[in-house]
Amino acid sequence: WITFFSPTCCGPFRWFCVGVTVLFGVTALCVAKRSPVEKANVLVWRLLPVLLGLLCVATLGAAGGLAVFCGTCLVSSAYLGSRALLPVGDKAVLVTGLWGVVNNAGVLGFPADGELLPMSTYRQCMEVNFFGAVEVSRTFLPLLRKSQGRLVNMSSMAGGIPLPRCAAYGASKAALSMFSGVMRQELSKWGIKVAAIHPSGFRTGIQGTSDLWEKQEKELMENLSADTRQDYGEDYLLGLKDYLLRMPAHCDADLSPVLSAILHALLAERPQGLYTPGKGAYMSLCVFCYLPLWFYDFFIGKMMNTESVPRVPRASEAERKNL
C-alpha cells in the first residue's frame, strides 16, 4: 500500500498505473456517451476525478497529481453540465405553450442504384423527409420562440455519410441535416436549441409492406430503358428486392438508444447538436471524415453487403481475368 502510493514509484508499474487510468477514463466516457440520461453516469463522472487523482498522485507525485486532478474536475463538470436534464420543477415542465417539436416522419423508397430509381422516388423522399420537416418547423417556430424550446429533427446515418442504394433517401436526409445545422445557428439568438439525430439501422417499419415493395419494384422496372435493363442484367435487378428483404435482419429491434437521444435533446440543459445512436453510426461517420475515401468505400461496401456487380462490369472483369 505504501509502495503503491509512493511518489517515487517508477518503471513498468508506473506505466501500468497510467494505462489503467487511461483505460478507466475512456471506458467511463463511452458508457456515459451511450446512455446520456441514466443516473448511474452521474455517479461515474463524480467518482472519476477522485480515482484519477489518486492514481496520478501515485504515478506523478503530489504536484503532477494535483494538476491532473484539477483538470479532470473541470472536464467532468463541463461534461455533466451538458448531460444533466432539466429538473421537474424547471421550465421544461412548467412552461405554458409548446416546448418541443420532433420531426420524425420518413420514407425510405426502394433501395436501388441511383440511376435506376424513378424520379417519383426522389420527389417523394424530398417531400416527406425534407419539405415536410421544414414546413412543420416553420409552422411551430413562433410558439418555440416564445417558450425558447427545442427543435429535434430525425435525420439518418445516410444523411451524414454516402450509403449505396440510398441516393434518394440519403439526399433528402442530408438536406434535413444541413437545414438542422443552419437552424441551430440562427435560432440560438432566440434561445431555441436545435438537434439532429443520425441513427443507424433500427426496425421501425420504414421499409414498408410487401404490397408496397411490389408496387415500387414494378414502377422501377417500368421506367427502365431496354439498354439500361440489359446492361445491369436481370439477376442484378432481381437481387435488389432480396437486399430489401434482408435489411430487417441487420437492424436493431431495441429503439431505446434513439428514444434516449430524443429525450436528451428535449430536456437537457445543453443538448448536443448531433446525436448518433445505434451500432456503427458514430464509427462510420469517423471513418468517412478522417480516413481516405477509398478505404471508406471498401468499408461501407463490406458493412452493407452491396458487392454484387451489374452484368456488363462483371463480364468485362471476367474477360480481363481470362487474358
Protein backbone atom coordinates (compact mmCIF):
# COMPACT_ATOMS: atom_id res chain seq x y z
CA TRP A 1 0.00 0.00 0.00
CA ILE A 2 2.79 2.43 0.91
CA THR A 3 4.75 1.48 -2.20
CA PHE A 4 1.69 1.96 -4.44
CA PHE A 5 1.05 5.50 -3.26
CA SER A 6 4.68 6.49 -3.06
CA PRO A 7 5.52 9.45 -5.36
CA THR A 8 8.84 7.80 -6.17
CA CYS A 9 7.40 4.62 -7.71
CA CYS A 10 8.67 4.23 -11.29
CA GLY A 11 9.37 1.77 -14.06
CA PRO A 12 6.82 -0.62 -15.54
CA PHE A 13 4.48 -0.26 -12.57
CA ARG A 14 4.14 3.49 -13.18
CA TRP A 15 3.18 2.91 -16.80
CA PHE A 16 0.77 0.18 -15.70
CA CYS A 17 -0.97 2.71 -13.45
CA VAL A 18 -1.09 5.24 -16.27
CA GLY A 19 -2.59 2.60 -18.58
CA VAL A 20 -5.23 1.69 -16.01
CA THR A 21 -6.05 5.38 -15.58
CA VAL A 22 -6.47 5.96 -19.32
CA LEU A 23 -8.49 2.77 -19.78
CA PHE A 24 -10.85 3.68 -16.95
CA GLY A 25 -11.34 7.20 -18.30
CA VAL A 26 -12.09 6.02 -21.85
CA THR A 27 -14.50 3.34 -20.58
CA ALA A 28 -16.37 5.81 -18.41
CA LEU A 29 -16.64 8.26 -21.33
CA CYS A 30 -18.02 5.58 -23.69
CA VAL A 31 -20.56 4.37 -21.13
CA ALA A 32 -21.74 7.91 -20.42
CA LYS A 33 -21.99 8.72 -24.13
CA ARG A 34 -24.12 5.67 -24.91
CA SER A 35 -26.60 6.36 -22.10
CA PRO A 36 -26.63 10.13 -21.54
CA VAL A 37 -29.71 10.21 -19.32
CA GLU A 38 -29.03 7.44 -16.83
CA LYS A 39 -28.36 8.46 -13.24
CA ALA A 40 -25.56 5.91 -12.97
CA ASN A 41 -23.49 8.02 -15.35
CA VAL A 42 -23.62 10.96 -12.95
CA LEU A 43 -22.14 8.74 -10.23
CA VAL A 44 -19.42 7.52 -12.60
CA TRP A 45 -18.43 11.06 -13.52
CA ARG A 46 -18.41 12.15 -9.87
CA LEU A 47 -16.09 9.30 -8.91
CA LEU A 48 -13.86 9.66 -11.96
CA PRO A 49 -11.91 12.75 -10.74
CA VAL A 50 -11.29 11.16 -7.35
CA LEU A 51 -9.95 7.90 -8.78
CA LEU A 52 -7.85 9.65 -11.40
CA GLY A 53 -6.47 11.96 -8.72
CA LEU A 54 -5.36 9.02 -6.57
CA LEU A 55 -3.74 7.21 -9.48
CA CYS A 56 -1.98 10.34 -10.71
CA VAL A 57 -0.59 11.10 -7.24
CA ALA A 58 0.77 7.55 -7.19
CA THR A 59 2.48 7.94 -10.56
CA LEU A 60 3.27 11.64 -10.99
CA GLY A 61 3.78 12.82 -7.43
CA ALA A 62 1.82 15.40 -5.46
CA ALA A 63 2.24 18.36 -7.83
CA GLY A 64 1.51 16.48 -11.05
CA GLY A 65 -1.33 14.55 -9.48
CA LEU A 66 -2.94 17.76 -8.22
CA ALA A 67 -2.72 19.37 -11.67
CA VAL A 68 -4.33 16.38 -13.39
CA PHE A 69 -6.95 16.15 -10.65
CA CYS A 70 -7.99 19.80 -11.17
CA GLY A 71 -8.11 19.38 -14.93
CA THR A 72 -10.25 16.26 -14.64
CA CYS A 73 -12.64 18.05 -12.32
CA LEU A 74 -13.13 20.82 -14.89
CA VAL A 75 -13.78 18.33 -17.71
CA SER A 76 -16.14 16.31 -15.54
CA SER A 77 -18.12 19.39 -14.51
CA ALA A 78 -18.46 20.58 -18.11
CA TYR A 79 -19.49 17.13 -19.32
CA LEU A 80 -22.05 16.65 -16.57
CA GLY A 81 -23.48 20.07 -17.26
CA SER A 82 -24.16 19.12 -20.86
CA ARG A 83 -25.67 15.77 -19.83
CA ALA A 84 -27.87 16.94 -16.95
CA LEU A 85 -31.59 17.01 -17.61
CA LEU A 86 -33.81 19.88 -16.61
CA PRO A 87 -35.32 19.17 -13.16
CA VAL A 88 -39.02 18.51 -12.75
CA GLY A 89 -39.59 21.92 -11.25
CA ASP A 90 -37.86 23.79 -14.07
CA LYS A 91 -39.43 25.43 -17.08
CA ALA A 92 -39.34 22.25 -19.20
CA VAL A 93 -42.35 21.15 -17.16
CA LEU A 94 -43.91 24.44 -16.07
CA VAL A 95 -43.67 26.27 -19.40
CA THR A 96 -47.04 27.21 -20.88
CA GLY A 97 -47.30 26.61 -24.60
CA LEU A 98 -45.17 24.44 -26.86
CA TRP A 99 -41.79 23.28 -25.60
CA GLY A 100 -40.55 20.89 -28.29
CA VAL A 101 -41.15 19.76 -31.88
CA VAL A 102 -39.83 16.40 -33.11
CA ASN A 103 -39.89 15.83 -36.88
CA ASN A 104 -39.89 12.05 -37.16
CA ALA A 105 -41.80 11.25 -40.39
CA GLY A 106 -39.79 9.48 -43.07
CA VAL A 107 -39.98 7.23 -46.13
CA LEU A 108 -37.20 5.02 -47.47
CA GLY A 109 -38.21 4.23 -51.03
CA PHE A 110 -36.99 1.19 -52.95
CA PRO A 111 -33.27 0.57 -52.27
CA ALA A 112 -31.61 0.58 -55.68
CA ASP A 113 -28.81 2.25 -57.60
CA GLY A 114 -29.38 5.96 -58.10
CA GLU A 115 -29.51 5.54 -61.87
CA LEU A 116 -32.34 3.02 -61.61
CA LEU A 117 -34.63 4.96 -59.26
CA PRO A 118 -37.55 6.75 -60.92
CA MET A 119 -37.84 10.49 -60.37
CA SER A 120 -41.05 9.90 -58.40
CA THR A 121 -38.97 8.22 -55.67
CA TYR A 122 -36.66 11.23 -55.42
CA ARG A 123 -39.64 13.59 -55.23
CA GLN A 124 -41.44 11.52 -52.59
CA CYS A 125 -38.37 11.30 -50.36
CA MET A 126 -37.77 15.04 -50.61
CA GLU A 127 -41.44 15.87 -49.98
CA VAL A 128 -41.76 13.73 -46.84
CA ASN A 129 -38.23 13.66 -45.39
CA PHE A 130 -37.22 17.25 -46.09
CA PHE A 131 -40.02 19.60 -47.17
CA GLY A 132 -42.43 18.11 -44.63
CA ALA A 133 -40.00 18.72 -41.77
CA VAL A 134 -39.26 22.25 -42.98
CA GLU A 135 -42.95 23.10 -43.21
CA VAL A 136 -43.75 21.70 -39.76
CA SER A 137 -40.78 23.56 -38.26
CA ARG A 138 -41.78 26.87 -39.84
CA THR A 139 -45.35 26.41 -38.63
CA PHE A 140 -44.42 25.97 -34.97
CA LEU A 141 -41.37 28.23 -34.69
CA PRO A 142 -43.43 31.22 -33.45
CA LEU A 143 -44.50 29.11 -30.45
CA LEU A 144 -40.96 27.80 -29.88
CA ARG A 145 -39.63 31.36 -29.87
CA LYS A 146 -41.99 32.24 -27.04
CA SER A 147 -41.01 29.23 -24.93
CA GLN A 148 -37.34 29.16 -26.04
CA GLY A 149 -37.89 25.46 -26.60
CA ARG A 150 -36.40 22.68 -28.69
CA LEU A 151 -36.50 21.57 -32.33
CA VAL A 152 -35.42 17.97 -32.96
CA ASN A 153 -35.10 16.58 -36.48
CA MET A 154 -34.84 12.84 -37.08
CA SER A 155 -32.31 12.56 -39.88
CA SER A 156 -30.37 9.37 -40.58
CA MET A 157 -26.95 7.82 -40.75
CA ALA A 158 -27.48 8.19 -44.53
CA GLY A 159 -27.81 11.95 -44.03
CA GLY A 160 -24.21 12.29 -42.88
CA ILE A 161 -22.38 9.72 -45.00
CA PRO A 162 -23.00 8.30 -48.51
CA LEU A 163 -24.58 4.85 -48.45
CA PRO A 164 -25.02 2.72 -51.58
CA ARG A 165 -28.59 2.24 -52.85
CA CYS A 166 -29.79 5.19 -50.75
CA ALA A 167 -29.41 8.02 -53.28
CA ALA A 168 -32.94 9.42 -52.91
CA TYR A 169 -33.28 8.71 -49.19
CA GLY A 170 -29.76 9.89 -48.35
CA ALA A 171 -30.10 13.10 -50.36
CA SER A 172 -33.32 14.03 -48.55
CA LYS A 173 -31.85 13.27 -45.13
CA ALA A 174 -28.65 15.18 -45.95
CA ALA A 175 -30.82 18.19 -46.81
CA LEU A 176 -32.60 17.80 -43.46
CA SER A 177 -29.26 17.59 -41.60
CA MET A 178 -28.00 20.77 -43.26
CA PHE A 179 -31.29 22.52 -42.52
CA SER A 180 -30.94 21.47 -38.85
CA GLY A 181 -27.41 22.85 -38.66
CA VAL A 182 -28.38 26.21 -40.13
CA MET A 183 -31.44 26.43 -37.87
CA ARG A 184 -29.25 25.64 -34.85
CA GLN A 185 -27.05 28.63 -35.67
CA GLU A 186 -29.87 31.04 -36.49
CA LEU A 187 -32.33 30.11 -33.74
CA SER A 188 -29.71 30.27 -30.98
CA LYS A 189 -30.38 34.04 -30.96
CA TRP A 190 -33.91 33.25 -29.80
CA GLY A 191 -32.83 30.76 -27.14
CA ILE A 192 -34.07 27.79 -29.20
CA LYS A 193 -31.84 24.72 -29.28
CA VAL A 194 -31.87 22.53 -32.39
CA ALA A 195 -30.63 18.94 -32.62
CA ALA A 196 -30.28 16.47 -35.48
CA ILE A 197 -30.35 12.72 -34.79
CA HIS A 198 -28.44 10.36 -37.10
CA PRO A 199 -29.43 6.83 -36.04
CA SER A 200 -28.09 3.67 -37.62
CA GLY A 201 -30.38 0.83 -38.67
CA PHE A 202 -33.43 0.20 -36.47
CA ARG A 203 -36.57 -1.84 -37.13
CA THR A 204 -39.14 0.92 -37.44
CA GLY A 205 -41.20 -0.35 -40.36
CA ILE A 206 -39.79 2.32 -42.68
CA GLN A 207 -39.20 -0.37 -45.31
CA GLY A 208 -42.96 -0.65 -45.78
CA THR A 209 -45.10 -3.68 -46.56
CA SER A 210 -44.79 -6.42 -49.17
CA ASP A 211 -47.54 -4.79 -51.22
CA LEU A 212 -45.59 -1.55 -51.27
CA TRP A 213 -42.44 -3.40 -52.32
CA GLU A 214 -44.26 -4.99 -55.26
CA LYS A 215 -45.60 -1.59 -56.34
CA GLN A 216 -42.19 0.10 -56.07
CA GLU A 217 -40.41 -2.72 -57.89
CA LYS A 218 -42.98 -2.63 -60.70
CA GLU A 219 -42.62 1.13 -61.06
CA LEU A 220 -38.83 0.84 -61.13
CA MET A 221 -38.87 -1.86 -63.82
CA GLU A 222 -41.38 0.01 -65.98
CA ASN A 223 -39.23 3.15 -66.02
CA LEU A 224 -36.03 1.39 -67.10
CA SER A 225 -34.96 1.63 -70.72
CA ALA A 226 -34.16 -1.55 -72.59
CA ASP A 227 -30.43 -0.70 -72.74
CA THR A 228 -30.21 0.01 -69.02
CA ARG A 229 -32.07 -3.17 -68.19
CA GLN A 230 -29.75 -5.21 -70.40
CA ASP A 231 -26.58 -3.58 -69.05
CA TYR A 232 -27.50 -4.23 -65.42
CA GLY A 233 -28.84 -7.73 -66.05
CA GLU A 234 -31.97 -9.41 -64.76
CA ASP A 235 -30.14 -11.22 -61.97
CA TYR A 236 -28.82 -7.93 -60.59
CA LEU A 237 -32.24 -6.26 -60.76
CA LEU A 238 -33.95 -9.18 -59.06
CA GLY A 239 -31.30 -9.10 -56.32
CA LEU A 240 -32.41 -5.60 -55.32
CA LYS A 241 -35.60 -6.95 -53.76
CA ASP A 242 -33.63 -9.68 -51.96
CA TYR A 243 -31.49 -6.93 -50.46
CA LEU A 244 -34.64 -5.19 -49.22
CA LEU A 245 -35.88 -8.41 -47.63
CA ARG A 246 -32.53 -8.87 -45.82
CA MET A 247 -32.43 -5.36 -44.38
CA PRO A 248 -34.52 -6.01 -41.22
CA ALA A 249 -32.13 -8.78 -40.15
CA HIS A 250 -29.31 -6.22 -39.89
CA CYS A 251 -31.38 -3.67 -37.95
CA ASP A 252 -31.69 -3.38 -34.18
CA ALA A 253 -35.12 -4.05 -32.64
CA ASP A 254 -34.27 -2.10 -29.47
CA LEU A 255 -35.26 1.53 -30.04
CA SER A 256 -34.14 2.74 -26.61
CA PRO A 257 -30.92 4.44 -27.88
CA VAL A 258 -32.97 6.59 -30.26
CA LEU A 259 -35.59 7.37 -27.61
CA SER A 260 -32.85 8.33 -25.13
CA ALA A 261 -31.33 10.69 -27.70
CA ILE A 262 -34.70 12.35 -28.33
CA LEU A 263 -35.34 12.69 -24.60
CA HIS A 264 -31.93 14.22 -24.03
CA ALA A 265 -32.35 16.64 -26.94
CA LEU A 266 -35.67 17.81 -25.48
CA LEU A 267 -34.78 18.03 -21.80
CA ALA A 268 -31.03 18.52 -21.38
CA GLU A 269 -29.82 21.93 -20.26
CA ARG A 270 -27.19 21.89 -23.01
CA PRO A 271 -28.23 19.34 -25.65
CA GLN A 272 -25.88 18.19 -28.36
CA GLY A 273 -26.27 19.47 -31.89
CA LEU A 274 -25.81 15.96 -33.31
CA TYR A 275 -26.69 12.54 -31.90
CA THR A 276 -25.54 9.23 -33.42
CA PRO A 277 -27.44 6.43 -31.63
CA GLY A 278 -27.10 2.84 -32.74
CA LYS A 279 -24.35 0.43 -33.72
CA GLY A 280 -21.86 1.76 -36.22
CA ALA A 281 -23.39 5.21 -36.61
CA TYR A 282 -20.59 7.18 -34.96
CA MET A 283 -17.80 4.88 -36.16
CA SER A 284 -18.94 5.11 -39.80
CA LEU A 285 -19.05 8.90 -39.56
CA CYS A 286 -15.49 8.95 -38.21
CA VAL A 287 -14.26 6.62 -40.96
CA PHE A 288 -15.84 8.86 -43.60
CA CYS A 289 -14.45 12.09 -42.11
CA TYR A 290 -10.91 11.07 -41.16
CA LEU A 291 -9.82 8.22 -43.45
CA PRO A 292 -9.23 8.11 -47.23
CA LEU A 293 -12.36 7.79 -49.35
CA TRP A 294 -11.18 4.57 -50.98
CA PHE A 295 -10.99 2.97 -47.54
CA TYR A 296 -14.44 4.29 -46.62
CA ASP A 297 -15.94 2.92 -49.86
CA PHE A 298 -14.40 -0.50 -49.16
CA PHE A 299 -15.50 -0.39 -45.51
CA ILE A 300 -19.12 0.60 -46.23
CA GLY A 301 -19.42 -1.91 -49.08
CA LYS A 302 -18.46 -4.72 -46.72
CA MET A 303 -20.68 -3.44 -43.92
CA MET A 304 -23.79 -3.11 -46.12
CA ASN A 305 -23.10 -6.20 -48.23
CA THR A 306 -23.59 -4.37 -51.55
CA GLU A 307 -20.82 -6.03 -53.50
CA SER A 308 -22.99 -7.50 -56.26
CA VAL A 309 -21.93 -6.27 -59.72
CA PRO A 310 -24.12 -5.50 -62.77
CA ARG A 311 -23.85 -7.71 -65.84
CA VAL A 312 -21.60 -5.58 -68.08
CA PRO A 313 -18.85 -4.78 -65.50
CA ARG A 314 -18.99 -8.40 -64.34
CA ALA A 315 -18.48 -9.67 -67.89
CA SER A 316 -15.63 -7.22 -68.50
CA GLU A 317 -13.89 -8.33 -65.32
CA ALA A 318 -14.23 -11.97 -66.35
CA GLU A 319 -12.67 -11.23 -69.76
CA ARG A 320 -9.68 -9.47 -68.15
CA LYS A 321 -9.09 -12.44 -65.89
CA ASN A 322 -9.12 -14.82 -68.87
CA LEU A 323 -6.44 -12.86 -70.77
